N, C-alpha and C. Protein backbone atom coordinates (compact mmCIF):
# COMPACT_ATOMS: atom_id res chain seq x y z
N MET A 1 -7.02 0.31 -39.76
CA MET A 1 -6.01 -0.54 -39.13
C MET A 1 -6.64 -1.77 -38.52
N SER A 2 -6.19 -2.89 -38.88
CA SER A 2 -6.75 -4.10 -38.21
C SER A 2 -6.39 -4.24 -36.82
N TRP A 3 -7.11 -5.11 -36.01
CA TRP A 3 -6.82 -5.29 -34.61
C TRP A 3 -5.55 -5.92 -34.42
N TYR A 4 -5.04 -6.82 -35.50
CA TYR A 4 -3.66 -7.45 -35.37
C TYR A 4 -2.62 -6.36 -35.46
N LYS A 5 -2.76 -5.44 -36.30
CA LYS A 5 -1.65 -4.44 -36.41
C LYS A 5 -1.57 -3.43 -35.25
N ARG A 6 -2.80 -3.13 -34.72
CA ARG A 6 -2.99 -2.39 -33.53
C ARG A 6 -2.25 -3.12 -32.31
N MET A 7 -2.49 -4.48 -32.20
CA MET A 7 -1.87 -5.24 -31.12
C MET A 7 -0.47 -5.29 -31.24
N VAL A 8 -0.01 -5.45 -32.41
CA VAL A 8 1.58 -5.54 -32.57
C VAL A 8 2.07 -4.13 -32.30
N THR A 9 1.53 -3.05 -32.76
CA THR A 9 2.04 -1.75 -32.35
C THR A 9 2.04 -1.48 -30.86
N PHE A 10 0.84 -1.90 -30.31
CA PHE A 10 0.86 -1.74 -28.81
C PHE A 10 1.92 -2.39 -27.99
N LEU A 11 2.25 -3.78 -28.51
CA LEU A 11 3.31 -4.48 -27.88
C LEU A 11 4.61 -3.89 -28.09
N GLN A 12 4.93 -3.29 -29.37
CA GLN A 12 6.10 -2.85 -29.70
C GLN A 12 6.32 -1.47 -28.75
N GLU A 13 5.34 -0.77 -28.47
CA GLU A 13 5.30 0.44 -27.63
C GLU A 13 5.53 -0.06 -26.16
N VAL A 14 5.00 -1.14 -25.83
CA VAL A 14 5.09 -1.57 -24.39
C VAL A 14 6.60 -1.98 -24.21
N VAL A 15 7.25 -2.69 -25.22
CA VAL A 15 8.66 -3.11 -25.09
C VAL A 15 9.49 -1.99 -25.16
N ALA A 16 9.17 -0.94 -25.90
CA ALA A 16 10.15 0.31 -25.97
C ALA A 16 9.99 0.98 -24.59
N GLU A 17 8.84 1.09 -23.94
CA GLU A 17 8.73 1.86 -22.63
C GLU A 17 9.45 0.96 -21.68
N LEU A 18 9.38 -0.31 -21.55
CA LEU A 18 10.01 -1.07 -20.48
C LEU A 18 11.60 -0.83 -20.74
N LYS A 19 12.10 -0.58 -21.87
CA LYS A 19 13.55 -0.39 -21.98
C LYS A 19 13.96 0.92 -21.32
N ARG A 20 13.04 1.84 -21.52
CA ARG A 20 13.30 3.21 -20.84
C ARG A 20 13.14 3.32 -19.37
N THR A 21 12.48 2.22 -18.89
CA THR A 21 12.22 2.14 -17.30
C THR A 21 13.54 1.88 -16.54
N THR A 22 13.61 2.66 -15.38
CA THR A 22 14.72 2.45 -14.62
C THR A 22 14.33 1.55 -13.42
N TRP A 23 14.82 0.41 -13.27
CA TRP A 23 14.28 -0.53 -12.26
C TRP A 23 15.08 -0.38 -10.94
N PRO A 24 14.46 -0.44 -9.72
CA PRO A 24 15.17 -0.33 -8.54
C PRO A 24 16.08 -1.57 -8.25
N ARG A 25 17.25 -1.18 -7.57
CA ARG A 25 18.14 -2.28 -7.20
C ARG A 25 17.53 -3.12 -6.12
N PRO A 26 17.87 -4.41 -5.86
CA PRO A 26 17.42 -5.13 -4.85
C PRO A 26 17.52 -4.57 -3.51
N THR A 27 18.66 -3.89 -3.26
CA THR A 27 18.82 -3.16 -1.89
C THR A 27 17.81 -2.10 -1.71
N GLU A 28 17.45 -1.32 -2.74
CA GLU A 28 16.51 -0.28 -2.58
C GLU A 28 15.05 -1.02 -2.38
N VAL A 29 14.81 -1.96 -3.01
CA VAL A 29 13.55 -2.76 -2.82
C VAL A 29 13.28 -3.32 -1.33
N ARG A 30 14.50 -3.79 -0.73
CA ARG A 30 14.45 -4.41 0.60
C ARG A 30 14.35 -3.22 1.56
N GLY A 31 14.99 -2.13 1.28
CA GLY A 31 14.79 -0.92 2.26
C GLY A 31 13.50 -0.30 2.29
N THR A 32 12.92 -0.19 0.99
CA THR A 32 11.53 0.30 0.96
C THR A 32 10.47 -0.65 1.63
N THR A 33 10.72 -1.99 1.34
CA THR A 33 9.81 -2.92 1.96
C THR A 33 9.85 -2.96 3.44
N THR A 34 11.17 -2.69 3.97
CA THR A 34 11.26 -2.75 5.44
C THR A 34 10.66 -1.45 6.00
N VAL A 35 10.66 -0.45 5.33
CA VAL A 35 10.09 0.80 5.89
C VAL A 35 8.47 0.66 5.84
N VAL A 36 7.96 0.01 4.78
CA VAL A 36 6.50 -0.05 4.67
C VAL A 36 6.01 -1.02 5.72
N ILE A 37 6.68 -2.13 5.97
CA ILE A 37 6.28 -3.18 7.16
C ILE A 37 6.45 -2.46 8.44
N ILE A 38 7.41 -1.76 8.67
CA ILE A 38 7.43 -0.95 10.02
C ILE A 38 6.26 -0.02 10.12
N ALA A 39 6.03 0.72 9.00
CA ALA A 39 5.06 1.67 9.15
C ALA A 39 3.62 0.98 9.37
N VAL A 40 3.37 -0.25 8.77
CA VAL A 40 2.09 -0.83 8.92
C VAL A 40 2.08 -1.35 10.42
N PHE A 41 3.12 -1.80 10.96
CA PHE A 41 3.02 -2.17 12.39
C PHE A 41 2.81 -0.98 13.30
N ILE A 42 3.44 0.16 12.93
CA ILE A 42 3.17 1.35 13.87
C ILE A 42 1.71 1.84 13.72
N PHE A 43 1.18 1.83 12.55
CA PHE A 43 -0.13 2.35 12.37
C PHE A 43 -1.13 1.37 13.08
N ALA A 44 -0.81 0.01 12.86
CA ALA A 44 -1.69 -0.95 13.63
C ALA A 44 -1.66 -0.73 15.10
N LEU A 45 -0.48 -0.54 15.63
CA LEU A 45 -0.40 -0.43 17.09
C LEU A 45 -1.26 0.96 17.47
N PHE A 46 -1.06 1.87 16.77
CA PHE A 46 -1.75 3.24 16.91
C PHE A 46 -3.30 2.99 16.89
N LEU A 47 -3.75 2.47 15.92
CA LEU A 47 -5.21 2.17 15.75
C LEU A 47 -5.71 1.30 16.74
N TRP A 48 -5.05 0.19 17.24
CA TRP A 48 -5.46 -0.66 18.31
C TRP A 48 -5.52 0.08 19.53
N LEU A 49 -4.58 0.98 19.80
CA LEU A 49 -4.61 1.84 21.12
C LEU A 49 -5.80 2.80 21.03
N VAL A 50 -5.98 3.47 19.99
CA VAL A 50 -7.07 4.31 19.86
C VAL A 50 -8.45 3.52 20.04
N ASP A 51 -8.60 2.31 19.44
CA ASP A 51 -9.76 1.58 19.57
C ASP A 51 -9.95 1.17 21.03
N LEU A 52 -8.83 0.86 21.55
CA LEU A 52 -8.96 0.42 23.08
C LEU A 52 -9.40 1.62 23.95
N GLY A 53 -8.91 2.70 23.73
CA GLY A 53 -9.38 3.95 24.41
C GLY A 53 -10.69 4.31 24.19
N LEU A 54 -11.15 4.41 22.88
CA LEU A 54 -12.57 4.76 22.62
C LEU A 54 -13.48 3.68 23.10
N GLY A 55 -13.10 2.41 23.07
CA GLY A 55 -14.03 1.35 23.69
C GLY A 55 -14.20 1.52 25.11
N THR A 56 -13.14 1.99 25.87
CA THR A 56 -13.21 2.17 27.27
C THR A 56 -14.03 3.39 27.51
N VAL A 57 -13.93 4.44 26.90
CA VAL A 57 -14.71 5.65 27.00
C VAL A 57 -16.15 5.36 26.72
N TYR A 58 -16.44 4.58 25.74
CA TYR A 58 -17.84 4.14 25.38
C TYR A 58 -18.44 3.34 26.48
N ARG A 59 -17.71 2.35 27.06
CA ARG A 59 -18.25 1.46 28.10
C ARG A 59 -18.52 2.26 29.38
N GLU A 60 -17.63 3.21 29.66
CA GLU A 60 -17.76 4.03 30.86
C GLU A 60 -18.85 4.98 30.75
N THR A 61 -19.16 5.43 29.47
CA THR A 61 -20.26 6.41 29.27
C THR A 61 -21.68 5.64 29.38
N ILE A 62 -21.65 4.41 28.83
CA ILE A 62 -22.91 3.58 29.13
C ILE A 62 -23.15 3.24 30.52
N LYS A 63 -22.03 3.01 31.24
CA LYS A 63 -22.27 2.76 32.73
C LYS A 63 -22.87 4.01 33.50
N LEU A 64 -22.51 5.19 33.07
CA LEU A 64 -22.94 6.43 33.69
C LEU A 64 -24.49 6.69 33.44
N PHE A 65 -25.01 6.20 32.40
CA PHE A 65 -26.41 6.38 32.12
C PHE A 65 -27.30 5.22 32.49
N ARG A 66 -26.81 4.24 33.13
CA ARG A 66 -27.63 3.17 33.47
C ARG A 66 -28.19 3.37 34.92
């Protein structure tokens, strides 16, 4: 089979697969996007607080041994 026929077959299969795909509605996309953005901010805040706490512990430990 030539590369041209394989390419045509591949593209036909892609089109057929895309027709079977169920796409989310815009309201679903907005909802999940909002959840992801909120989760990112919560994790960022958590990691910032952990970093702040560990930095403080590290500085205090260094002061102890000086």
